C-alpha cells in the first residue's frame, strides 16, 4: 500500500515538473521572439541623434 502511494506521489511530481518545463519552454520561445523585435541600444541611440538633428 505504501509503495503504491509512493508511486502515485512520484507520478504526480513528475507530471508537475513536465508541465513546468513546458511552461518554461513556451515562455522562453515567447521572450526570444519578442527580443528579436526590440530595437538595439544602437538603434535607439541613432534614432535619438536623428530626432535631435531634425529638431
PDB file of N, CA and C in Angstrom:
ATOM      1  N   UNK A   1       0.824  -1.198   0.000  1.00  0.00           N
ATOM      2  CA  UNK A   1       0.000   0.000   0.000  1.00  0.00           C
ATOM      3  C   UNK A   1       0.872   1.267   0.000  1.00  0.00           C
ATOM      4  N   UNK A   2       1.896   1.259   0.850  1.00  0.00           N
ATOM      5  CA  UNK A   2       2.785   2.422   0.916  1.00  0.00           C
ATOM      6  C   UNK A   2       3.538   2.597  -0.403  1.00  0.00           C
ATOM      7  N   UNK A   3       3.908   1.482  -1.007  1.00  0.00           N
ATOM      8  CA  UNK A   3       4.631   1.531  -2.287  1.00  0.00           C
ATOM      9  C   UNK A   3       3.752   2.149  -3.381  1.00  0.00           C
ATOM     10  N   UNK A   4       2.484   1.786  -3.390  1.00  0.00           N
ATOM     11  CA  UNK A   4       1.554   2.339  -4.376  1.00  0.00           C
ATOM     12  C   UNK A   4       1.414   3.849  -4.174  1.00  0.00           C
ATOM     13  N   UNK A   5       1.340   4.272  -2.920  1.00  0.00           N
ATOM     14  CA  UNK A   5       1.237   5.705  -2.614  1.00  0.00           C
ATOM     15  C   UNK A   5       2.496   6.431  -3.091  1.00  0.00           C
ATOM     16  N   UNK A   6       3.667   5.838  -2.833  1.00  0.00           N
ATOM     17  CA  UNK A   6       4.922   6.441  -3.289  1.00  0.00           C
ATOM     18  C   UNK A   6       4.932   6.616  -4.807  1.00  0.00           C
ATOM     19  N   UNK A   7       4.467   5.601  -5.510  1.00  0.00           N
ATOM     20  CA  UNK A   7       4.443   5.664  -6.971  1.00  0.00           C
ATOM     21  C   UNK A   7       3.485   6.754  -7.454  1.00  0.00           C
ATOM     22  N   UNK A   8       2.348   6.915  -6.780  1.00  0.00           N
ATOM     23  CA  UNK A   8       1.397   7.961  -7.152  1.00  0.00           C
ATOM     24  C   UNK A   8       1.992   9.347  -6.920  1.00  0.00           C
ATOM     25  N   UNK A   9       2.670   9.503  -5.785  1.00  0.00           N
ATOM     26  CA  UNK A   9       3.301  10.789  -5.465  1.00  0.00           C
ATOM     27  C   UNK A   9       4.382  11.110  -6.494  1.00  0.00           C
ATOM     28  N   UNK A  10       5.214  10.115  -6.809  1.00  0.00           N
ATOM     29  CA  UNK A  10       6.272  10.333  -7.796  1.00  0.00           C
ATOM     30  C   UNK A  10       5.699  10.646  -9.176  1.00  0.00           C
ATOM     31  N   UNK A  11       4.634   9.962  -9.542  1.00  0.00           N
ATOM     32  CA  UNK A  11       3.997  10.214 -10.831  1.00  0.00           C
ATOM     33  C   UNK A  11       3.433  11.629 -10.886  1.00  0.00           C
ATOM     34  N   UNK A  12       2.779  12.033  -9.808  1.00  0.00           N
ATOM     35  CA  UNK A  12       2.211  13.379  -9.741  1.00  0.00           C
ATOM     36  C   UNK A  12       3.320  14.433  -9.820  1.00  0.00           C
ATOM     37  N   UNK A  13       4.402  14.200  -9.079  1.00  0.00           N
ATOM     38  CA  UNK A  13       5.533  15.123  -9.075  1.00  0.00           C
ATOM     39  C   UNK A  13       6.160  15.211 -10.470  1.00  0.00           C
ATOM     40  N   UNK A  14       6.308  14.069 -11.121  1.00  0.00           N
ATOM     41  CA  UNK A  14       6.883  14.027 -12.460  1.00  0.00           C
ATOM     42  C   UNK A  14       6.017  14.805 -13.455  1.00  0.00           C
ATOM     43  N   UNK A  15       4.702  14.635 -13.361  1.00  0.00           N
ATOM     44  CA  UNK A  15       3.787  15.356 -14.254  1.00  0.00           C
ATOM     45  C   UNK A  15       3.873  16.860 -14.024  1.00  0.00           C
ATOM     46  N   UNK A  16       3.967  17.260 -12.748  1.00  0.00           N
ATOM     47  CA  UNK A  16       4.087  18.691 -12.440  1.00  0.00           C
ATOM     48  C   UNK A  16       5.375  19.267 -13.011  1.00  0.00           C
ATOM     49  N   UNK A  17       6.473  18.535 -12.849  1.00  0.00           N
ATOM     50  CA  UNK A  17       7.752  19.001 -13.399  1.00  0.00           C
ATOM     51  C   UNK A  17       7.684  19.116 -14.920  1.00  0.00           C
ATOM     52  N   UNK A  18       7.035  18.158 -15.555  1.00  0.00           N
ATOM     53  CA  UNK A  18       6.903  18.187 -17.012  1.00  0.00           C
ATOM     54  C   UNK A  18       6.095  19.407 -17.453  1.00  0.00           C
ATOM     55  N   UNK A  19       4.991  19.684 -16.754  1.00  0.00           N
ATOM     56  CA  UNK A  19       4.173  20.857 -17.099  1.00  0.00           C
ATOM     57  C   UNK A  19       4.969  22.139 -16.908  1.00  0.00           C
ATOM     58  N   UNK A  20       5.736  22.213 -15.827  1.00  0.00           N
ATOM     59  CA  UNK A  20       6.549  23.415 -15.591  1.00  0.00           C
ATOM     60  C   UNK A  20       7.587  23.582 -16.689  1.00  0.00           C
ATOM     61  N   UNK A  21       8.174  22.467 -17.110  1.00  0.00           N
ATOM     62  CA  UNK A  21       9.175  22.532 -18.180  1.00  0.00           C
ATOM     63  C   UNK A  21       8.534  23.031 -19.476  1.00  0.00           C
ATOM     64  N   UNK A  22       7.324  22.532 -19.767  1.00  0.00           N
ATOM     65  CA  UNK A  22       6.617  23.002 -20.959  1.00  0.00           C
ATOM     66  C   UNK A  22       6.315  24.491 -20.853  1.00  0.00           C
ATOM     67  N   UNK A  23       5.915  24.940 -19.663  1.00  0.00           N
ATOM     68  CA  UNK A  23       5.633  26.361 -19.459  1.00  0.00           C
ATOM     69  C   UNK A  23       6.896  27.196 -19.645  1.00  0.00           C
ATOM     70  N   UNK A  24       8.012  26.714 -19.119  1.00  0.00           N
ATOM     71  CA  UNK A  24       9.277  27.444 -19.276  1.00  0.00           C
ATOM     72  C   UNK A  24       9.705  27.492 -20.742  1.00  0.00           C
ATOM     73  N   UNK A  25       9.518  26.383 -21.451  1.00  0.00           N
ATOM     74  CA  UNK A  25       9.857  26.362 -22.877  1.00  0.00           C
ATOM     75  C   UNK A  25       9.011  27.368 -23.649  1.00  0.00           C
ATOM     76  N   UNK A  26       7.714  27.422 -23.337  1.00  0.00           N
ATOM     77  CA  UNK A  26       6.820  28.365 -24.020  1.00  0.00           C
ATOM     78  C   UNK A  26       7.212  29.803 -23.698  1.00  0.00           C
ATOM     79  N   UNK A  27       7.558  30.063 -22.445  1.00  0.00           N
ATOM     80  CA  UNK A  27       7.979  31.405 -22.041  1.00  0.00           C
ATOM     81  C   UNK A  27       9.274  31.793 -22.748  1.00  0.00           C
ATOM     82  N   UNK A  28      10.209  30.860 -22.794  1.00  0.00           N
ATOM     83  CA  UNK A  28      11.482  31.127 -23.463  1.00  0.00           C
ATOM     84  C   UNK A  28      11.265  31.448 -24.947  1.00  0.00           C
ATOM     85  N   UNK A  29      10.393  30.691 -25.604  1.00  0.00           N
ATOM     86  CA  UNK A  29      10.087  30.960 -27.012  1.00  0.00           C
ATOM     87  C   UNK A  29       9.473  32.339 -27.198  1.00  0.00           C
ATOM     88  N   UNK A  30       8.540  32.684 -26.314  1.00  0.00           N
ATOM     89  CA  UNK A  30       7.870  33.985 -26.412  1.00  0.00           C
ATOM     90  C   UNK A  30       8.866  35.123 -26.202  1.00  0.00           C
ATOM     91  N   UNK A  31       9.730  34.975 -25.208  1.00  0.00           N
ATOM     92  CA  UNK A  31      10.718  36.023 -24.941  1.00  0.00           C
ATOM     93  C   UNK A  31      11.723  36.131 -26.079  1.00  0.00           C
ATOM     94  N   UNK A  32      12.120  35.002 -26.628  1.00  0.00           N
ATOM     95  CA  UNK A  32      13.072  35.026 -27.737  1.00  0.00           C
ATOM     96  C   UNK A  32      12.454  35.730 -28.946  1.00  0.00           C
ATOM     97  N   UNK A  33      11.210  35.425 -29.232  1.00  0.00           N
ATOM     98  CA  UNK A  33      10.527  36.081 -30.343  1.00  0.00           C
ATOM     99  C   UNK A  33      10.397  37.568 -30.118  1.00  0.00           C
ATOM    100  N   UNK A  34      10.118  37.957 -28.884  1.00  0.00           N
ATOM    101  CA  UNK A  34       9.973  39.377 -28.552  1.00  0.00           C
ATOM    102  C   UNK A  34      11.319  40.084 -28.637  1.00  0.00           C
ATOM    103  N   UNK A  35      12.372  39.431 -28.188  1.00  0.00           N
ATOM    104  CA  UNK A  35      13.698  40.051 -28.197  1.00  0.00           C
ATOM    105  C   UNK A  35      14.147  40.365 -29.618  1.00  0.00           C
ATOM    106  N   UNK A  36      13.716  39.563 -30.579  1.00  0.00           N
ATOM    107  CA  UNK A  36      14.114  39.809 -31.966  1.00  0.00           C
ATOM    108  C   UNK A  36      13.450  41.051 -32.539  1.00  0.00           C
ATOM    109  N   UNK A  37      12.333  41.488 -31.946  1.00  0.00           N
ATOM    110  CA  UNK A  37      11.628  42.658 -32.474  1.00  0.00           C
ATOM    111  C   UNK A  37      11.963  43.939 -31.719  1.00  0.00           C
ATOM    112  N   UNK A  38      12.674  43.822 -30.608  1.00  0.00           N
ATOM    113  CA  UNK A  38      13.036  45.013 -29.835  1.00  0.00           C
ATOM    114  C   UNK A  38      14.216  45.725 -30.495  1.00  0.00           C
ATOM    115  N   UNK A  39      14.236  47.052 -30.436  1.00  0.00           N
ATOM    116  CA  UNK A  39      15.384  47.772 -31.007  1.00  0.00           C
ATOM    117  C   UNK A  39      16.624  47.571 -30.143  1.00  0.00           C
ATOM    118  N   UNK A  40      17.764  47.626 -30.766  1.00  0.00           N
ATOM    119  CA  UNK A  40      19.013  47.526 -30.018  1.00  0.00           C
ATOM    120  C   UNK A  40      19.334  48.893 -29.413  1.00  0.00           C
ATOM    121  N   UNK A  41      20.311  48.926 -28.540  1.00  0.00           N
ATOM    122  CA  UNK A  41      20.753  50.187 -27.943  1.00  0.00           C
ATOM    123  C   UNK A  41      21.258  51.118 -29.039  1.00  0.00           C
ATOM    124  N   UNK A  42      21.967  50.563 -30.016  1.00  0.00           N
ATOM    125  CA  UNK A  42      22.472  51.378 -31.127  1.00  0.00           C
ATOM    126  C   UNK A  42      21.330  51.982 -31.938  1.00  0.00           C
ATOM    127  N   UNK A  43      20.258  51.198 -32.154  1.00  0.00           N
ATOM    128  CA  UNK A  43      19.096  51.720 -32.885  1.00  0.00           C
ATOM    129  C   UNK A  43      18.486  52.908 -32.153  1.00  0.00           C
ATOM    130  N   UNK A  44      18.320  52.775 -30.849  1.00  0.00           N
ATOM    131  CA  UNK A  44      17.715  53.845 -30.049  1.00  0.00           C
ATOM    132  C   UNK A  44      18.620  55.070 -30.048  1.00  0.00           C
ATOM    133  N   UNK A  45      19.926  54.858 -29.915  1.00  0.00           N
ATOM    134  CA  UNK A  45      20.890  55.951 -29.910  1.00  0.00           C
ATOM    135  C   UNK A  45      20.856  56.704 -31.240  1.00  0.00           C
ATOM    136  N   UNK A  46      20.860  55.973 -32.343  1.00  0.00           N
ATOM    137  CA  UNK A  46      20.801  56.584 -33.669  1.00  0.00           C
ATOM    138  C   UNK A  46      19.498  57.349 -33.856  1.00  0.00           C
ATOM    139  N   UNK A  47      18.392  56.777 -33.410  1.00  0.00           N
ATOM    140  CA  UNK A  47      17.100  57.448 -33.518  1.00  0.00           C
ATOM    141  C   UNK A  47      17.105  58.751 -32.719  1.00  0.00           C
ATOM    142  N   UNK A  48      17.687  58.718 -31.523  1.00  0.00           N
ATOM    143  CA  UNK A  48      17.767  59.923 -30.695  1.00  0.00           C
ATOM    144  C   UNK A  48      18.546  61.021 -31.387  1.00  0.00           C
ATOM    145  N   UNK A  49      19.708  60.689 -31.969  1.00  0.00           N
ATOM    146  CA  UNK A  49      20.507  61.683 -32.672  1.00  0.00           C
ATOM    147  C   UNK A  49      19.781  62.203 -33.902  1.00  0.00           C
ATOM    148  N   UNK A  50      19.102  61.324 -34.615  1.00  0.00           N
ATOM    149  CA  UNK A  50      18.347  61.737 -35.804  1.00  0.00           C
ATOM    150  C   UNK A  50      17.245  62.709 -35.418  1.00  0.00           C
ATOM    151  N   UNK A  51      16.562  62.428 -34.323  1.00  0.00           N
ATOM    152  CA  UNK A  51      15.489  63.318 -33.872  1.00  0.00           C
ATOM    153  C   UNK A  51      16.051  64.675 -33.458  1.00  0.00           C
ATOM    154  N   UNK A  52      17.205  64.678 -32.776  1.00  0.00           N
ATOM    155  CA  UNK A  52      17.818  65.943 -32.353  1.00  0.00           C
ATOM    156  C   UNK A  52      18.261  66.767 -33.561  1.00  0.00           C
ATOM    157  N   UNK A  53      18.838  66.104 -34.555  1.00  0.00           N
ATOM    158  CA  UNK A  53      19.301  66.811 -35.745  1.00  0.00           C
ATOM    159  C   UNK A  53      18.145  67.436 -36.516  1.00  0.00           C
ATOM    160  N   UNK A  54      16.999  66.802 -36.486  1.00  0.00           N
ATOM    161  CA  UNK A  54      15.842  67.304 -37.233  1.00  0.00           C
ATOM    162  C   UNK A  54      14.958  68.223 -36.405  1.00  0.00           C
ATOM    163  N   UNK A  55      15.333  68.509 -35.187  1.00  0.00           N
ATOM    164  CA  UNK A  55      14.502  69.326 -34.303  1.00  0.00           C
ATOM    165  C   UNK A  55      14.645  70.770 -34.582  1.00  0.00           C
TER     166      UNK A  55
END
